[in-house]
mmCIF file of all heavy atoms, coordinates in Angstrom:
data_MODEL
# 
_entry.id   MODEL 
# 
loop_
_atom_site.group_PDB 
_atom_site.id 
_atom_site.type_symbol 
_atom_site.label_atom_id 
_atom_site.label_alt_id 
_atom_site.label_comp_id 
_atom_site.label_asym_id 
_atom_site.label_entity_id 
_atom_site.label_seq_id 
_atom_site.pdbx_PDB_ins_code 
_atom_site.Cartn_x 
_atom_site.Cartn_y 
_atom_site.Cartn_z 
_atom_site.occupancy 
_atom_site.B_iso_or_equiv 
_atom_site.pdbx_formal_charge 
_atom_site.auth_seq_id 
_atom_site.auth_comp_id 
_atom_site.auth_asym_id 
_atom_site.auth_atom_id 
_atom_site.pdbx_PDB_model_num 
ATOM 1   N N   . LYS A 1 1  ? -14.015 -11.261 -1.665 1.00 0.00 ? 1  LYS A N   1 
ATOM 2   C CA  . LYS A 1 1  ? -13.431 -11.549 -0.372 1.00 0.00 ? 1  LYS A CA  1 
ATOM 3   C C   . LYS A 1 1  ? -12.858 -10.243 0.299  1.00 0.00 ? 1  LYS A C   1 
ATOM 4   O O   . LYS A 1 1  ? -13.171 -9.991  1.459  1.00 0.00 ? 1  LYS A O   1 
ATOM 5   C CB  . LYS A 1 1  ? -12.242 -12.586 -0.453 1.00 0.00 ? 1  LYS A CB  1 
ATOM 6   C CG  . LYS A 1 1  ? -12.695 -13.913 -0.954 1.00 0.00 ? 1  LYS A CG  1 
ATOM 7   C CD  . LYS A 1 1  ? -11.498 -14.890 -1.091 1.00 0.00 ? 1  LYS A CD  1 
ATOM 8   C CE  . LYS A 1 1  ? -10.371 -14.360 -1.939 1.00 0.00 ? 1  LYS A CE  1 
ATOM 9   N NZ  . LYS A 1 1  ? -10.727 -14.100 -3.344 1.00 0.00 ? 1  LYS A NZ  1 
ATOM 10  N N   . SER A 1 2  ? -12.076 -9.493  -0.410 1.00 0.00 ? 2  SER A N   1 
ATOM 11  C CA  . SER A 1 2  ? -11.482 -8.292  0.188  1.00 0.00 ? 2  SER A CA  1 
ATOM 12  C C   . SER A 1 2  ? -12.519 -7.226  0.543  1.00 0.00 ? 2  SER A C   1 
ATOM 13  O O   . SER A 1 2  ? -12.460 -6.596  1.568  1.00 0.00 ? 2  SER A O   1 
ATOM 14  C CB  . SER A 1 2  ? -10.395 -7.729  -0.762 1.00 0.00 ? 2  SER A CB  1 
ATOM 15  O OG  . SER A 1 2  ? -9.365  -8.654  -0.915 1.00 0.00 ? 2  SER A OG  1 
ATOM 16  N N   . THR A 1 3  ? -13.510 -7.074  -0.338 1.00 0.00 ? 3  THR A N   1 
ATOM 17  C CA  . THR A 1 3  ? -14.561 -6.146  -0.082 1.00 0.00 ? 3  THR A CA  1 
ATOM 18  C C   . THR A 1 3  ? -15.351 -6.560  1.180  1.00 0.00 ? 3  THR A C   1 
ATOM 19  O O   . THR A 1 3  ? -15.628 -5.755  2.057  1.00 0.00 ? 3  THR A O   1 
ATOM 20  C CB  . THR A 1 3  ? -15.518 -6.038  -1.305 1.00 0.00 ? 3  THR A CB  1 
ATOM 21  O OG1 . THR A 1 3  ? -14.773 -5.623  -2.413 1.00 0.00 ? 3  THR A OG1 1 
ATOM 22  C CG2 . THR A 1 3  ? -16.691 -5.090  -0.990 1.00 0.00 ? 3  THR A CG2 1 
ATOM 23  N N   . PHE A 1 4  ? -15.704 -7.853  1.253  1.00 0.00 ? 4  PHE A N   1 
ATOM 24  C CA  . PHE A 1 4  ? -16.351 -8.413  2.418  1.00 0.00 ? 4  PHE A CA  1 
ATOM 25  C C   . PHE A 1 4  ? -15.505 -8.155  3.697  1.00 0.00 ? 4  PHE A C   1 
ATOM 26  O O   . PHE A 1 4  ? -16.054 -7.755  4.703  1.00 0.00 ? 4  PHE A O   1 
ATOM 27  C CB  . PHE A 1 4  ? -16.529 -9.898  2.192  1.00 0.00 ? 4  PHE A CB  1 
ATOM 28  C CG  . PHE A 1 4  ? -17.272 -10.609 3.293  1.00 0.00 ? 4  PHE A CG  1 
ATOM 29  C CD1 . PHE A 1 4  ? -18.666 -10.689 3.281  1.00 0.00 ? 4  PHE A CD1 1 
ATOM 30  C CD2 . PHE A 1 4  ? -16.554 -11.199 4.329  1.00 0.00 ? 4  PHE A CD2 1 
ATOM 31  C CE1 . PHE A 1 4  ? -19.320 -11.385 4.303  1.00 0.00 ? 4  PHE A CE1 1 
ATOM 32  C CE2 . PHE A 1 4  ? -17.227 -11.887 5.335  1.00 0.00 ? 4  PHE A CE2 1 
ATOM 33  C CZ  . PHE A 1 4  ? -18.603 -11.965 5.296  1.00 0.00 ? 4  PHE A CZ  1 
ATOM 34  N N   . ALA A 1 5  ? -14.245 -8.416  3.590  1.00 0.00 ? 5  ALA A N   1 
ATOM 35  C CA  . ALA A 1 5  ? -13.369 -8.271  4.746  1.00 0.00 ? 5  ALA A CA  1 
ATOM 36  C C   . ALA A 1 5  ? -13.394 -6.809  5.229  1.00 0.00 ? 5  ALA A C   1 
ATOM 37  O O   . ALA A 1 5  ? -13.507 -6.534  6.443  1.00 0.00 ? 5  ALA A O   1 
ATOM 38  C CB  . ALA A 1 5  ? -11.931 -8.708  4.398  1.00 0.00 ? 5  ALA A CB  1 
ATOM 39  N N   . ARG A 1 6  ? -13.267 -5.875  4.307  1.00 0.00 ? 6  ARG A N   1 
ATOM 40  C CA  . ARG A 1 6  ? -13.238 -4.438  4.663  1.00 0.00 ? 6  ARG A CA  1 
ATOM 41  C C   . ARG A 1 6  ? -14.589 -4.025  5.271  1.00 0.00 ? 6  ARG A C   1 
ATOM 42  O O   . ARG A 1 6  ? -14.645 -3.158  6.132  1.00 0.00 ? 6  ARG A O   1 
ATOM 43  C CB  . ARG A 1 6  ? -12.951 -3.581  3.437  1.00 0.00 ? 6  ARG A CB  1 
ATOM 44  C CG  . ARG A 1 6  ? -11.504 -3.568  3.028  1.00 0.00 ? 6  ARG A CG  1 
ATOM 45  C CD  . ARG A 1 6  ? -11.160 -2.529  1.999  1.00 0.00 ? 6  ARG A CD  1 
ATOM 46  N NE  . ARG A 1 6  ? -11.972 -2.651  0.796  1.00 0.00 ? 6  ARG A NE  1 
ATOM 47  C CZ  . ARG A 1 6  ? -11.683 -3.400  -0.252 1.00 0.00 ? 6  ARG A CZ  1 
ATOM 48  N NH1 . ARG A 1 6  ? -10.581 -4.150  -0.243 1.00 0.00 ? 6  ARG A NH1 1 
ATOM 49  N NH2 . ARG A 1 6  ? -12.476 -3.442  -1.318 1.00 0.00 ? 6  ARG A NH2 1 
ATOM 50  N N   . GLN A 1 7  ? -15.709 -4.648  4.865  1.00 0.00 ? 7  GLN A N   1 
ATOM 51  C CA  . GLN A 1 7  ? -17.006 -4.312  5.382  1.00 0.00 ? 7  GLN A CA  1 
ATOM 52  C C   . GLN A 1 7  ? -17.299 -4.882  6.744  1.00 0.00 ? 7  GLN A C   1 
ATOM 53  O O   . GLN A 1 7  ? -18.099 -4.379  7.501  1.00 0.00 ? 7  GLN A O   1 
ATOM 54  C CB  . GLN A 1 7  ? -18.124 -4.807  4.411  1.00 0.00 ? 7  GLN A CB  1 
ATOM 55  C CG  . GLN A 1 7  ? -18.145 -4.053  3.113  1.00 0.00 ? 7  GLN A CG  1 
ATOM 56  C CD  . GLN A 1 7  ? -19.127 -4.708  2.127  1.00 0.00 ? 7  GLN A CD  1 
ATOM 57  O OE1 . GLN A 1 7  ? -19.570 -5.859  2.272  1.00 0.00 ? 7  GLN A OE1 1 
ATOM 58  N NE2 . GLN A 1 7  ? -19.486 -3.985  1.094  1.00 0.00 ? 7  GLN A NE2 1 
ATOM 59  N N   . HIS A 1 8  ? -16.645 -5.986  7.106  1.00 0.00 ? 8  HIS A N   1 
ATOM 60  C CA  . HIS A 1 8  ? -16.944 -6.725  8.281  1.00 0.00 ? 8  HIS A CA  1 
ATOM 61  C C   . HIS A 1 8  ? -15.917 -6.695  9.427  1.00 0.00 ? 8  HIS A C   1 
ATOM 62  O O   . HIS A 1 8  ? -16.230 -7.049  10.559 1.00 0.00 ? 8  HIS A O   1 
ATOM 63  C CB  . HIS A 1 8  ? -17.259 -8.187  7.997  1.00 0.00 ? 8  HIS A CB  1 
ATOM 64  C CG  . HIS A 1 8  ? -18.546 -8.376  7.244  1.00 0.00 ? 8  HIS A CG  1 
ATOM 65  N ND1 . HIS A 1 8  ? -18.651 -8.215  5.888  1.00 0.00 ? 8  HIS A ND1 1 
ATOM 66  C CD2 . HIS A 1 8  ? -19.782 -8.643  7.691  1.00 0.00 ? 8  HIS A CD2 1 
ATOM 67  C CE1 . HIS A 1 8  ? -19.918 -8.384  5.542  1.00 0.00 ? 8  HIS A CE1 1 
ATOM 68  N NE2 . HIS A 1 8  ? -20.624 -8.673  6.607  1.00 0.00 ? 8  HIS A NE2 1 
ATOM 69  N N   . PHE A 1 9  ? -14.683 -6.323  9.089  1.00 0.00 ? 9  PHE A N   1 
ATOM 70  C CA  . PHE A 1 9  ? -13.597 -6.402  10.027 1.00 0.00 ? 9  PHE A CA  1 
ATOM 71  C C   . PHE A 1 9  ? -12.768 -5.160  10.066 1.00 0.00 ? 9  PHE A C   1 
ATOM 72  O O   . PHE A 1 9  ? -12.690 -4.429  9.081  1.00 0.00 ? 9  PHE A O   1 
ATOM 73  C CB  . PHE A 1 9  ? -12.731 -7.638  9.693  1.00 0.00 ? 9  PHE A CB  1 
ATOM 74  C CG  . PHE A 1 9  ? -13.486 -8.913  9.614  1.00 0.00 ? 9  PHE A CG  1 
ATOM 75  C CD1 . PHE A 1 9  ? -13.795 -9.445  8.376  1.00 0.00 ? 9  PHE A CD1 1 
ATOM 76  C CD2 . PHE A 1 9  ? -13.957 -9.541  10.725 1.00 0.00 ? 9  PHE A CD2 1 
ATOM 77  C CE1 . PHE A 1 9  ? -14.505 -10.649 8.288  1.00 0.00 ? 9  PHE A CE1 1 
ATOM 78  C CE2 . PHE A 1 9  ? -14.694 -10.696 10.661 1.00 0.00 ? 9  PHE A CE2 1 
ATOM 79  C CZ  . PHE A 1 9  ? -14.988 -11.249 9.419  1.00 0.00 ? 9  PHE A CZ  1 
ATOM 80  N N   . LYS A 1 10 ? -12.096 -4.969  11.218 1.00 0.00 ? 10 LYS A N   1 
ATOM 81  C CA  . LYS A 1 10 ? -11.137 -3.851  11.339 1.00 0.00 ? 10 LYS A CA  1 
ATOM 82  C C   . LYS A 1 10 ? -9.942  -4.168  10.449 1.00 0.00 ? 10 LYS A C   1 
ATOM 83  O O   . LYS A 1 10 ? -9.573  -5.357  10.266 1.00 0.00 ? 10 LYS A O   1 
ATOM 84  C CB  . LYS A 1 10 ? -10.704 -3.713  12.753 1.00 0.00 ? 10 LYS A CB  1 
ATOM 85  C CG  . LYS A 1 10 ? -11.807 -3.290  13.736 1.00 0.00 ? 10 LYS A CG  1 
ATOM 86  C CD  . LYS A 1 10 ? -11.248 -3.031  15.121 1.00 0.00 ? 10 LYS A CD  1 
ATOM 87  C CE  . LYS A 1 10 ? -10.697 -4.239  15.763 1.00 0.00 ? 10 LYS A CE  1 
ATOM 88  N NZ  . LYS A 1 10 ? -10.354 -4.028  17.197 1.00 0.00 ? 10 LYS A NZ  1 
ATOM 89  N N   . PRO A 1 11 ? -9.269  -3.142  9.908  1.00 0.00 ? 11 PRO A N   1 
ATOM 90  C CA  . PRO A 1 11 ? -8.091  -3.388  9.057  1.00 0.00 ? 11 PRO A CA  1 
ATOM 91  C C   . PRO A 1 11 ? -7.035  -4.245  9.741  1.00 0.00 ? 11 PRO A C   1 
ATOM 92  O O   . PRO A 1 11 ? -6.383  -5.024  9.089  1.00 0.00 ? 11 PRO A O   1 
ATOM 93  C CB  . PRO A 1 11 ? -7.589  -1.990  8.766  1.00 0.00 ? 11 PRO A CB  1 
ATOM 94  C CG  . PRO A 1 11 ? -8.787  -1.094  8.891  1.00 0.00 ? 11 PRO A CG  1 
ATOM 95  C CD  . PRO A 1 11 ? -9.629  -1.708  9.981  1.00 0.00 ? 11 PRO A CD  1 
ATOM 96  N N   . THR A 1 12 ? -6.834  -4.041  11.028 1.00 0.00 ? 12 THR A N   1 
ATOM 97  C CA  . THR A 1 12 ? -5.820  -4.790  11.717 1.00 0.00 ? 12 THR A CA  1 
ATOM 98  C C   . THR A 1 12 ? -6.149  -6.288  11.940 1.00 0.00 ? 12 THR A C   1 
ATOM 99  O O   . THR A 1 12 ? -5.275  -7.096  12.190 1.00 0.00 ? 12 THR A O   1 
ATOM 100 C CB  . THR A 1 12 ? -5.502  -4.181  13.146 1.00 0.00 ? 12 THR A CB  1 
ATOM 101 O OG1 . THR A 1 12 ? -6.764  -4.133  13.846 1.00 0.00 ? 12 THR A OG1 1 
ATOM 102 C CG2 . THR A 1 12 ? -4.897  -2.788  12.945 1.00 0.00 ? 12 THR A CG2 1 
ATOM 103 N N   . GLU A 1 13 ? -7.433  -6.638  11.740 1.00 0.00 ? 13 GLU A N   1 
ATOM 104 C CA  . GLU A 1 13 ? -7.831  -8.028  11.896 1.00 0.00 ? 13 GLU A CA  1 
ATOM 105 C C   . GLU A 1 13 ? -7.611  -8.835  10.621 1.00 0.00 ? 13 GLU A C   1 
ATOM 106 O O   . GLU A 1 13 ? -7.683  -10.052 10.633 1.00 0.00 ? 13 GLU A O   1 
ATOM 107 C CB  . GLU A 1 13 ? -9.341  -8.113  12.281 1.00 0.00 ? 13 GLU A CB  1 
ATOM 108 C CG  . GLU A 1 13 ? -9.603  -7.517  13.603 1.00 0.00 ? 13 GLU A CG  1 
ATOM 109 C CD  . GLU A 1 13 ? -11.076 -7.346  13.930 1.00 0.00 ? 13 GLU A CD  1 
ATOM 110 O OE1 . GLU A 1 13 ? -11.890 -7.182  12.984 1.00 0.00 ? 13 GLU A OE1 1 
ATOM 111 O OE2 . GLU A 1 13 ? -11.447 -7.380  15.117 1.00 0.00 ? 13 GLU A OE2 1 
ATOM 112 N N   . ILE A 1 14 ? -7.357  -8.160  9.490  1.00 0.00 ? 14 ILE A N   1 
ATOM 113 C CA  . ILE A 1 14 ? -7.221  -8.777  8.190  1.00 0.00 ? 14 ILE A CA  1 
ATOM 114 C C   . ILE A 1 14 ? -5.754  -9.045  7.839  1.00 0.00 ? 14 ILE A C   1 
ATOM 115 O O   . ILE A 1 14 ? -4.968  -8.092  7.789  1.00 0.00 ? 14 ILE A O   1 
ATOM 116 C CB  . ILE A 1 14 ? -7.870  -7.927  7.122  1.00 0.00 ? 14 ILE A CB  1 
ATOM 117 C CG1 . ILE A 1 14 ? -9.324  -7.643  7.449  1.00 0.00 ? 14 ILE A CG1 1 
ATOM 118 C CG2 . ILE A 1 14 ? -7.756  -8.556  5.716  1.00 0.00 ? 14 ILE A CG2 1 
ATOM 119 C CD1 . ILE A 1 14 ? -9.974  -6.506  6.631  1.00 0.00 ? 14 ILE A CD1 1 
ATOM 120 N N   . ALA A 1 15 ? -5.454  -10.296 7.596  1.00 0.00 ? 15 ALA A N   1 
ATOM 121 C CA  . ALA A 1 15 ? -4.114  -10.676 7.077  1.00 0.00 ? 15 ALA A CA  1 
ATOM 122 C C   . ALA A 1 15 ? -4.307  -10.990 5.608  1.00 0.00 ? 15 ALA A C   1 
ATOM 123 O O   . ALA A 1 15 ? -4.900  -12.010 5.255  1.00 0.00 ? 15 ALA A O   1 
ATOM 124 C CB  . ALA A 1 15 ? -3.586  -11.864 7.851  1.00 0.00 ? 15 ALA A CB  1 
ATOM 125 N N   . SER A 1 16 ? -3.780  -10.120 4.743  1.00 0.00 ? 16 SER A N   1 
ATOM 126 C CA  . SER A 1 16 ? -4.048  -10.222 3.329  1.00 0.00 ? 16 SER A CA  1 
ATOM 127 C C   . SER A 1 16 ? -2.806  -10.645 2.570  1.00 0.00 ? 16 SER A C   1 
ATOM 128 O O   . SER A 1 16 ? -1.756  -10.037 2.694  1.00 0.00 ? 16 SER A O   1 
ATOM 129 C CB  . SER A 1 16 ? -4.525  -8.822  2.811  1.00 0.00 ? 16 SER A CB  1 
ATOM 130 O OG  . SER A 1 16 ? -4.411  -8.734  1.426  1.00 0.00 ? 16 SER A OG  1 
ATOM 131 N N   . SER A 1 17 ? -2.947  -11.608 1.673  1.00 0.00 ? 17 SER A N   1 
ATOM 132 C CA  . SER A 1 17 ? -1.830  -12.035 0.822  1.00 0.00 ? 17 SER A CA  1 
ATOM 133 C C   . SER A 1 17 ? -1.432  -10.904 -0.116 1.00 0.00 ? 17 SER A C   1 
ATOM 134 O O   . SER A 1 17 ? -0.215  -10.730 -0.381 1.00 0.00 ? 17 SER A O   1 
ATOM 135 C CB  . SER A 1 17 ? -2.169  -13.315 0.061  1.00 0.00 ? 17 SER A CB  1 
ATOM 136 O OG  . SER A 1 17 ? -3.290  -13.110 -0.747 1.00 0.00 ? 17 SER A OG  1 
ATOM 137 N N   . ASP A 1 18 ? -2.399  -10.172 -0.628 1.00 0.00 ? 18 ASP A N   1 
ATOM 138 C CA  . ASP A 1 18 ? -2.041  -9.086  -1.558 1.00 0.00 ? 18 ASP A CA  1 
ATOM 139 C C   . ASP A 1 18 ? -1.250  -7.994  -0.826 1.00 0.00 ? 18 ASP A C   1 
ATOM 140 O O   . ASP A 1 18 ? -0.242  -7.483  -1.360 1.00 0.00 ? 18 ASP A O   1 
ATOM 141 C CB  . ASP A 1 18 ? -3.294  -8.462  -2.116 1.00 0.00 ? 18 ASP A CB  1 
ATOM 142 C CG  . ASP A 1 18 ? -4.013  -9.341  -3.157 1.00 0.00 ? 18 ASP A CG  1 
ATOM 143 O OD1 . ASP A 1 18 ? -3.368  -10.261 -3.705 1.00 0.00 ? 18 ASP A OD1 1 
ATOM 144 O OD2 . ASP A 1 18 ? -5.198  -9.091  -3.421 1.00 0.00 ? 18 ASP A OD2 1 
ATOM 145 N N   . PHE A 1 19 ? -1.656  -7.664  0.399  1.00 0.00 ? 19 PHE A N   1 
ATOM 146 C CA  . PHE A 1 19 ? -0.942  -6.672  1.178  1.00 0.00 ? 19 PHE A CA  1 
ATOM 147 C C   . PHE A 1 19 ? 0.474   -7.132  1.477  1.00 0.00 ? 19 PHE A C   1 
ATOM 148 O O   . PHE A 1 19 ? 1.439   -6.376  1.336  1.00 0.00 ? 19 PHE A O   1 
ATOM 149 C CB  . PHE A 1 19 ? -1.681  -6.324  2.500  1.00 0.00 ? 19 PHE A CB  1 
ATOM 150 C CG  . PHE A 1 19 ? -1.002  -5.275  3.295  1.00 0.00 ? 19 PHE A CG  1 
ATOM 151 C CD1 . PHE A 1 19 ? -1.054  -3.941  2.936  1.00 0.00 ? 19 PHE A CD1 1 
ATOM 152 C CD2 . PHE A 1 19 ? -0.318  -5.628  4.455  1.00 0.00 ? 19 PHE A CD2 1 
ATOM 153 C CE1 . PHE A 1 19 ? -0.399  -2.991  3.684  1.00 0.00 ? 19 PHE A CE1 1 
ATOM 154 C CE2 . PHE A 1 19 ? 0.311   -4.661  5.216  1.00 0.00 ? 19 PHE A CE2 1 
ATOM 155 C CZ  . PHE A 1 19 ? 0.274   -3.320  4.830  1.00 0.00 ? 19 PHE A CZ  1 
ATOM 156 N N   . CYS A 1 20 ? 0.622   -8.434  1.803  1.00 0.00 ? 20 CYS A N   1 
ATOM 157 C CA  . CYS A 1 20 ? 1.946   -8.934  2.089  1.00 0.00 ? 20 CYS A CA  1 
ATOM 158 C C   . CYS A 1 20 ? 2.833   -8.975  0.837  1.00 0.00 ? 20 CYS A C   1 
ATOM 159 O O   . CYS A 1 20 ? 4.033   -8.719  0.916  1.00 0.00 ? 20 CYS A O   1 
ATOM 160 C CB  . CYS A 1 20 ? 1.853   -10.336 2.718  1.00 0.00 ? 20 CYS A CB  1 
ATOM 161 S SG  . CYS A 1 20 ? 1.214   -10.327 4.419  1.00 0.00 ? 20 CYS A SG  1 
ATOM 162 N N   . ARG A 1 21 ? 2.222   -9.224  -0.298 1.00 0.00 ? 21 ARG A N   1 
ATOM 163 C CA  . ARG A 1 21 ? 2.951   -9.168  -1.537 1.00 0.00 ? 21 ARG A CA  1 
ATOM 164 C C   . ARG A 1 21 ? 3.438   -7.741  -1.802 1.00 0.00 ? 21 ARG A C   1 
ATOM 165 O O   . ARG A 1 21 ? 4.613   -7.544  -2.201 1.00 0.00 ? 21 ARG A O   1 
ATOM 166 C CB  . ARG A 1 21 ? 2.076   -9.648  -2.708 1.00 0.00 ? 21 ARG A CB  1 
ATOM 167 C CG  . ARG A 1 21 ? 2.818   -10.201 -3.839 1.00 0.00 ? 21 ARG A CG  1 
ATOM 168 C CD  . ARG A 1 21 ? 1.904   -10.775 -4.968 1.00 0.00 ? 21 ARG A CD  1 
ATOM 169 N NE  . ARG A 1 21 ? 1.398   -12.099 -4.525 1.00 0.00 ? 21 ARG A NE  1 
ATOM 170 C CZ  . ARG A 1 21 ? 0.108   -12.327 -4.226 1.00 0.00 ? 21 ARG A CZ  1 
ATOM 171 N NH1 . ARG A 1 21 ? -0.800  -11.360 -4.275 1.00 0.00 ? 21 ARG A NH1 1 
ATOM 172 N NH2 . ARG A 1 21 ? -0.273  -13.492 -3.860 1.00 0.00 ? 21 ARG A NH2 1 
ATOM 173 N N   . ALA A 1 22 ? 2.584   -6.762  -1.525 1.00 0.00 ? 22 ALA A N   1 
ATOM 174 C CA  . ALA A 1 22 ? 3.001   -5.359  -1.646 1.00 0.00 ? 22 ALA A CA  1 
ATOM 175 C C   . ALA A 1 22 ? 4.094   -5.002  -0.664 1.00 0.00 ? 22 ALA A C   1 
ATOM 176 O O   . ALA A 1 22 ? 5.026   -4.259  -1.027 1.00 0.00 ? 22 ALA A O   1 
ATOM 177 C CB  . ALA A 1 22 ? 1.815   -4.449  -1.485 1.00 0.00 ? 22 ALA A CB  1 
ATOM 178 N N   . LEU A 1 23 ? 4.010   -5.567  0.528  1.00 0.00 ? 23 LEU A N   1 
ATOM 179 C CA  . LEU A 1 23 ? 5.051   -5.267  1.538  1.00 0.00 ? 23 LEU A CA  1 
ATOM 180 C C   . LEU A 1 23 ? 6.418   -5.744  1.093  1.00 0.00 ? 23 LEU A C   1 
ATOM 181 O O   . LEU A 1 23 ? 7.421   -5.016  1.258  1.00 0.00 ? 23 LEU A O   1 
ATOM 182 C CB  . LEU A 1 23 ? 4.761   -5.988  2.853  1.00 0.00 ? 23 LEU A CB  1 
ATOM 183 C CG  . LEU A 1 23 ? 3.695   -5.346  3.733  1.00 0.00 ? 23 LEU A CG  1 
ATOM 184 C CD1 . LEU A 1 23 ? 3.444   -6.274  4.961  1.00 0.00 ? 23 LEU A CD1 1 
ATOM 185 C CD2 . LEU A 1 23 ? 4.140   -3.999  4.237  1.00 0.00 ? 23 LEU A CD2 1 
ATOM 186 N N   . VAL A 1 24 ? 6.512   -6.899  0.487  1.00 0.00 ? 24 VAL A N   1 
ATOM 187 C CA  . VAL A 1 24 ? 7.824   -7.430  0.102  1.00 0.00 ? 24 VAL A CA  1 
ATOM 188 C C   . VAL A 1 24 ? 8.297   -7.040  -1.302 1.00 0.00 ? 24 VAL A C   1 
ATOM 189 O O   . VAL A 1 24 ? 9.481   -7.104  -1.567 1.00 0.00 ? 24 VAL A O   1 
ATOM 190 C CB  . VAL A 1 24 ? 7.884   -8.992  0.258  1.00 0.00 ? 24 VAL A CB  1 
ATOM 191 C CG1 . VAL A 1 24 ? 7.571   -9.408  1.689  1.00 0.00 ? 24 VAL A CG1 1 
ATOM 192 C CG2 . VAL A 1 24 ? 6.951   -9.692  -0.739 1.00 0.00 ? 24 VAL A CG2 1 
ATOM 193 N N   . ALA A 1 25 ? 7.362   -6.599  -2.137 1.00 0.00 ? 25 ALA A N   1 
ATOM 194 C CA  . ALA A 1 25 ? 7.746   -6.292  -3.516 1.00 0.00 ? 25 ALA A CA  1 
ATOM 195 C C   . ALA A 1 25 ? 7.271   -4.924  -4.038 1.00 0.00 ? 25 ALA A C   1 
ATOM 196 O O   . ALA A 1 25 ? 7.459   -4.615  -5.246 1.00 0.00 ? 25 ALA A O   1 
ATOM 197 C CB  . ALA A 1 25 ? 7.262   -7.399  -4.477 1.00 0.00 ? 25 ALA A CB  1 
ATOM 198 N N   . ASP A 1 26 ? 6.637   -4.141  -3.166 1.00 0.00 ? 26 ASP A N   1 
ATOM 199 C CA  . ASP A 1 26 ? 6.006   -2.904  -3.543 1.00 0.00 ? 26 ASP A CA  1 
ATOM 200 C C   . ASP A 1 26 ? 4.964   -3.020  -4.662 1.00 0.00 ? 26 ASP A C   1 
ATOM 201 O O   . ASP A 1 26 ? 4.604   -2.035  -5.310 1.00 0.00 ? 26 ASP A O   1 
ATOM 202 C CB  . ASP A 1 26 ? 7.096   -1.875  -4.033 1.00 0.00 ? 26 ASP A CB  1 
ATOM 203 C CG  . ASP A 1 26 ? 7.973   -1.425  -2.925 1.00 0.00 ? 26 ASP A CG  1 
ATOM 204 O OD1 . ASP A 1 26 ? 7.538   -1.336  -1.779 1.00 0.00 ? 26 ASP A OD1 1 
ATOM 205 O OD2 . ASP A 1 26 ? 9.181   -1.170  -3.178 1.00 0.00 ? 26 ASP A OD2 1 
ATOM 206 N N   . ASP A 1 27 ? 4.462   -4.253  -4.865 1.00 0.00 ? 27 ASP A N   1 
ATOM 207 C CA  . ASP A 1 27 ? 3.466   -4.453  -5.911 1.00 0.00 ? 27 ASP A CA  1 
ATOM 208 C C   . ASP A 1 27 ? 2.633   -5.699  -5.547 1.00 0.00 ? 27 ASP A C   1 
ATOM 209 O O   . ASP A 1 27 ? 3.154   -6.791  -5.596 1.00 0.00 ? 27 ASP A O   1 
ATOM 210 C CB  . ASP A 1 27 ? 4.161   -4.653  -7.241 1.00 0.00 ? 27 ASP A CB  1 
ATOM 211 C CG  . ASP A 1 27 ? 3.214   -4.866  -8.422 1.00 0.00 ? 27 ASP A CG  1 
ATOM 212 O OD1 . ASP A 1 27 ? 1.960   -4.874  -8.205 1.00 0.00 ? 27 ASP A OD1 1 
ATOM 213 O OD2 . ASP A 1 27 ? 3.698   -4.992  -9.557 1.00 0.00 ? 27 ASP A OD2 1 
# 
């Protein structure tokens, strides 16, 4: 999923649960 997202969409178009987890917990 994440690889597909990076290949098809701009970074700003992707809302990622992993990224949000890193935002709130640094991990």
